[in-house]
Amino acid sequence: MRLIGMALCTLLAGCASTGSEHGSRTRQIYVAASRAPCTAGVAKTECLQVREEPSKPWELSYIPIDNFDYQPGNEYLLKITEVRVAHPPADSVSLRWRVEKIVEQHPVP
């Protein structure tokens, strides 16, 4: 009986998700070869431009991308995991992206 209880606890602990990865999903996004001006809070900065399909227009992204070393002048197709942040700060986005694989990378003249 004790062995069954320990096995059950181990199984449940393995199924538990961490607070930072609650509600994650995998998808692919395109990243443009150049950043575009944007406003993050009161500060003016430059944001990455992203889209989910090549035929769609570029959109500004305020979502941080972990595990990604962006090089201007290169367009990317990334396989990412989108992670919902459980308790984000009030002045922050509730999502994070983590690169799982660079599917394509090519220079844009």
C-alpha atoms as a PDB file:
ATOM      1  CA  MET A   1       0.000   0.000   0.000  1.00  0.00           C
ATOM      2  CA  ARG A   2       2.810   2.371   0.884  1.00  0.00           C
ATOM      3  CA  LEU A   3       4.468   1.619  -2.472  1.00  0.00           C
ATOM      4  CA  ILE A   4       1.262   2.498  -4.330  1.00  0.00           C
ATOM      5  CA  GLY A   5       1.001   5.801  -2.439  1.00  0.00           C
ATOM      6  CA  MET A   6       4.587   6.735  -3.322  1.00  0.00           C
ATOM      7  CA  ALA A   7       4.023   5.799  -6.970  1.00  0.00           C
ATOM      8  CA  LEU A   8       0.863   7.927  -7.095  1.00  0.00           C
ATOM      9  CA  CYS A   9       2.659  10.950  -5.591  1.00  0.00           C
ATOM     10  CA  THR A  10       5.492  10.590  -8.100  1.00  0.00           C
ATOM     11  CA  LEU A  11       3.034  10.349 -10.990  1.00  0.00           C
ATOM     12  CA  LEU A  12       1.095  13.429  -9.889  1.00  0.00           C
ATOM     13  CA  ALA A  13       4.279  15.451  -9.350  1.00  0.00           C
ATOM     14  CA  GLY A  14       5.389  14.594 -12.876  1.00  0.00           C
ATOM     15  CA  CYS A  15       2.082  15.817 -14.308  1.00  0.00           C
ATOM     16  CA  ALA A  16       2.075  19.136 -12.463  1.00  0.00           C
ATOM     17  CA  SER A  17       2.978  22.189 -14.514  1.00  0.00           C
ATOM     18  CA  THR A  18       5.057  25.052 -13.235  1.00  0.00           C
ATOM     19  CA  GLY A  19       3.364  28.409 -12.750  1.00  0.00           C
ATOM     20  CA  SER A  20       5.384  29.993 -15.552  1.00  0.00           C
ATOM     21  CA  GLU A  21       4.330  27.392 -18.133  1.00  0.00           C
ATOM     22  CA  HIS A  22       0.614  27.225 -17.483  1.00  0.00           C
ATOM     23  CA  GLY A  23      -1.256  26.855 -20.764  1.00  0.00           C
ATOM     24  CA  SER A  24       1.575  26.465 -23.285  1.00  0.00           C
ATOM     25  CA  ARG A  25       1.228  25.592 -26.983  1.00  0.00           C
ATOM     26  CA  THR A  26       3.598  25.087 -29.907  1.00  0.00           C
ATOM     27  CA  ARG A  27       3.307  26.958 -33.209  1.00  0.00           C
ATOM     28  CA  GLN A  28       5.349  28.560 -35.987  1.00  0.00           C
ATOM     29  CA  ILE A  29       5.921  32.259 -36.583  1.00  0.00           C
ATOM     30  CA  TYR A  30       7.785  34.297 -39.180  1.00  0.00           C
ATOM     31  CA  VAL A  31      10.080  37.101 -37.985  1.00  0.00           C
ATOM     32  CA  ALA A  32      10.876  40.013 -40.336  1.00  0.00           C
ATOM     33  CA  ALA A  33      14.400  41.053 -41.296  1.00  0.00           C
ATOM     34  CA  SER A  34      14.001  44.454 -39.618  1.00  0.00           C
ATOM     35  CA  ARG A  35      12.459  45.875 -36.472  1.00  0.00           C
ATOM     36  CA  ALA A  36       9.831  48.626 -36.569  1.00  0.00           C
ATOM     37  CA  PRO A  37       9.262  51.636 -34.282  1.00  0.00           C
ATOM     38  CA  CYS A  38       6.808  50.959 -31.455  1.00  0.00           C
ATOM     39  CA  THR A  39       5.878  52.222 -28.009  1.00  0.00           C
ATOM     40  CA  ALA A  40       6.334  50.002 -24.965  1.00  0.00           C
ATOM     41  CA  GLY A  41       4.583  51.789 -22.114  1.00  0.00           C
ATOM     42  CA  VAL A  42       5.905  55.363 -22.273  1.00  0.00           C
ATOM     43  CA  ALA A  43       9.216  54.441 -23.927  1.00  0.00           C
ATOM     44  CA  LYS A  44       9.690  54.503 -27.683  1.00  0.00           C
ATOM     45  CA  THR A  45      11.655  51.522 -28.937  1.00  0.00           C
ATOM     46  CA  GLU A  46      11.848  49.083 -31.850  1.00  0.00           C
ATOM     47  CA  CYS A  47       9.853  45.848 -31.880  1.00  0.00           C
ATOM     48  CA  LEU A  48      10.163  42.664 -33.856  1.00  0.00           C
ATOM     49  CA  GLN A  49       7.658  42.213 -36.660  1.00  0.00           C
ATOM     50  CA  VAL A  50       5.970  38.812 -36.781  1.00  0.00           C
ATOM     51  CA  ARG A  51       3.260  36.931 -38.667  1.00  0.00           C
ATOM     52  CA  GLU A  52       1.858  33.413 -38.687  1.00  0.00           C
ATOM     53  CA  GLU A  53       1.493  33.039 -42.462  1.00  0.00           C
ATOM     54  CA  PRO A  54       3.603  34.424 -45.335  1.00  0.00           C
ATOM     55  CA  SER A  55       0.516  36.009 -46.945  1.00  0.00           C
ATOM     56  CA  LYS A  56      -0.474  37.956 -43.800  1.00  0.00           C
ATOM     57  CA  PRO A  57       0.805  41.481 -43.021  1.00  0.00           C
ATOM     58  CA  TRP A  58       3.566  41.968 -40.438  1.00  0.00           C
ATOM     59  CA  GLU A  59       2.430  42.803 -36.892  1.00  0.00           C
ATOM     60  CA  LEU A  60       4.432  44.356 -34.068  1.00  0.00           C
ATOM     61  CA  SER A  61       5.309  41.937 -31.279  1.00  0.00           C
ATOM     62  CA  TYR A  62       5.764  42.974 -27.663  1.00  0.00           C
ATOM     63  CA  ILE A  63       6.229  39.354 -26.548  1.00  0.00           C
ATOM     64  CA  PRO A  64       9.762  38.402 -25.435  1.00  0.00           C
ATOM     65  CA  ILE A  65      11.372  35.515 -27.355  1.00  0.00           C
ATOM     66  CA  ASP A  66      13.639  33.326 -25.221  1.00  0.00           C
ATOM     67  CA  ASN A  67      16.451  31.290 -26.782  1.00  0.00           C
ATOM     68  CA  PHE A  68      16.596  33.546 -29.885  1.00  0.00           C
ATOM     69  CA  ASP A  69      19.546  35.622 -31.096  1.00  0.00           C
ATOM     70  CA  TYR A  70      17.907  37.976 -33.606  1.00  0.00           C
ATOM     71  CA  GLN A  71      20.216  39.211 -36.371  1.00  0.00           C
ATOM     72  CA  PRO A  72      18.873  42.191 -38.388  1.00  0.00           C
ATOM     73  CA  GLY A  73      18.841  41.513 -42.123  1.00  0.00           C
ATOM     74  CA  ASN A  74      17.689  37.911 -41.680  1.00  0.00           C
ATOM     75  CA  GLU A  75      14.143  36.647 -41.969  1.00  0.00           C
ATOM     76  CA  TYR A  76      13.225  33.649 -39.823  1.00  0.00           C
ATOM     77  CA  LEU A  77      10.650  30.911 -39.538  1.00  0.00           C
ATOM     78  CA  LEU A  78      10.647  29.767 -35.911  1.00  0.00           C
ATOM     79  CA  LYS A  79       9.020  26.853 -34.150  1.00  0.00           C
ATOM     80  CA  ILE A  80       8.106  28.305 -30.769  1.00  0.00           C
ATOM     81  CA  THR A  81       6.388  27.316 -27.575  1.00  0.00           C
ATOM     82  CA  GLU A  82       3.992  30.009 -26.416  1.00  0.00           C
ATOM     83  CA  VAL A  83       3.882  30.057 -22.631  1.00  0.00           C
ATOM     84  CA  ARG A  84       1.201  31.821 -20.614  1.00  0.00           C
ATOM     85  CA  VAL A  85       2.785  33.551 -17.609  1.00  0.00           C
ATOM     86  CA  ALA A  86       0.709  32.759 -14.519  1.00  0.00           C
ATOM     87  CA  HIS A  87       1.148  36.051 -12.616  1.00  0.00           C
ATOM     88  CA  PRO A  88       2.790  38.674 -14.863  1.00  0.00           C
ATOM     89  CA  PRO A  89       3.681  42.119 -13.523  1.00  0.00           C
ATOM     90  CA  ALA A  90       1.008  44.737 -14.235  1.00  0.00           C
ATOM     91  CA  ASP A  91       3.189  46.479 -16.837  1.00  0.00           C
ATOM     92  CA  SER A  92       4.158  43.278 -18.682  1.00  0.00           C
ATOM     93  CA  VAL A  93       2.653  40.907 -21.243  1.00  0.00           C
ATOM     94  CA  SER A  94       1.094  37.648 -20.080  1.00  0.00           C
ATOM     95  CA  LEU A  95       2.861  35.544 -22.740  1.00  0.00           C
ATOM     96  CA  ARG A  96       6.428  34.464 -23.450  1.00  0.00           C
ATOM     97  CA  TRP A  97       7.743  32.727 -26.535  1.00  0.00           C
ATOM     98  CA  ARG A  98      10.568  30.190 -26.417  1.00  0.00           C
ATOM     99  CA  VAL A  99      12.304  29.087 -29.621  1.00  0.00           C
ATOM    100  CA  GLU A 100      12.361  25.317 -29.971  1.00  0.00           C
ATOM    101  CA  LYS A 101      13.888  25.328 -33.474  1.00  0.00           C
ATOM    102  CA  ILE A 102      14.924  27.762 -36.209  1.00  0.00           C
ATOM    103  CA  VAL A 103      13.127  26.143 -39.156  1.00  0.00           C
ATOM    104  CA  GLU A 104      14.413  28.651 -41.744  1.00  0.00           C
ATOM    105  CA  GLN A 105      16.814  31.585 -41.707  1.00  0.00           C
ATOM    106  CA  HIS A 106      17.802  33.545 -44.785  1.00  0.00           C
ATOM    107  CA  PRO A 107      19.293  36.977 -45.479  1.00  0.00           C
ATOM    108  CA  VAL A 108      17.049  39.627 -47.016  1.00  0.00           C
ATOM    109  CA  PRO A 109      18.794  42.235 -49.204  1.00  0.00           C
END
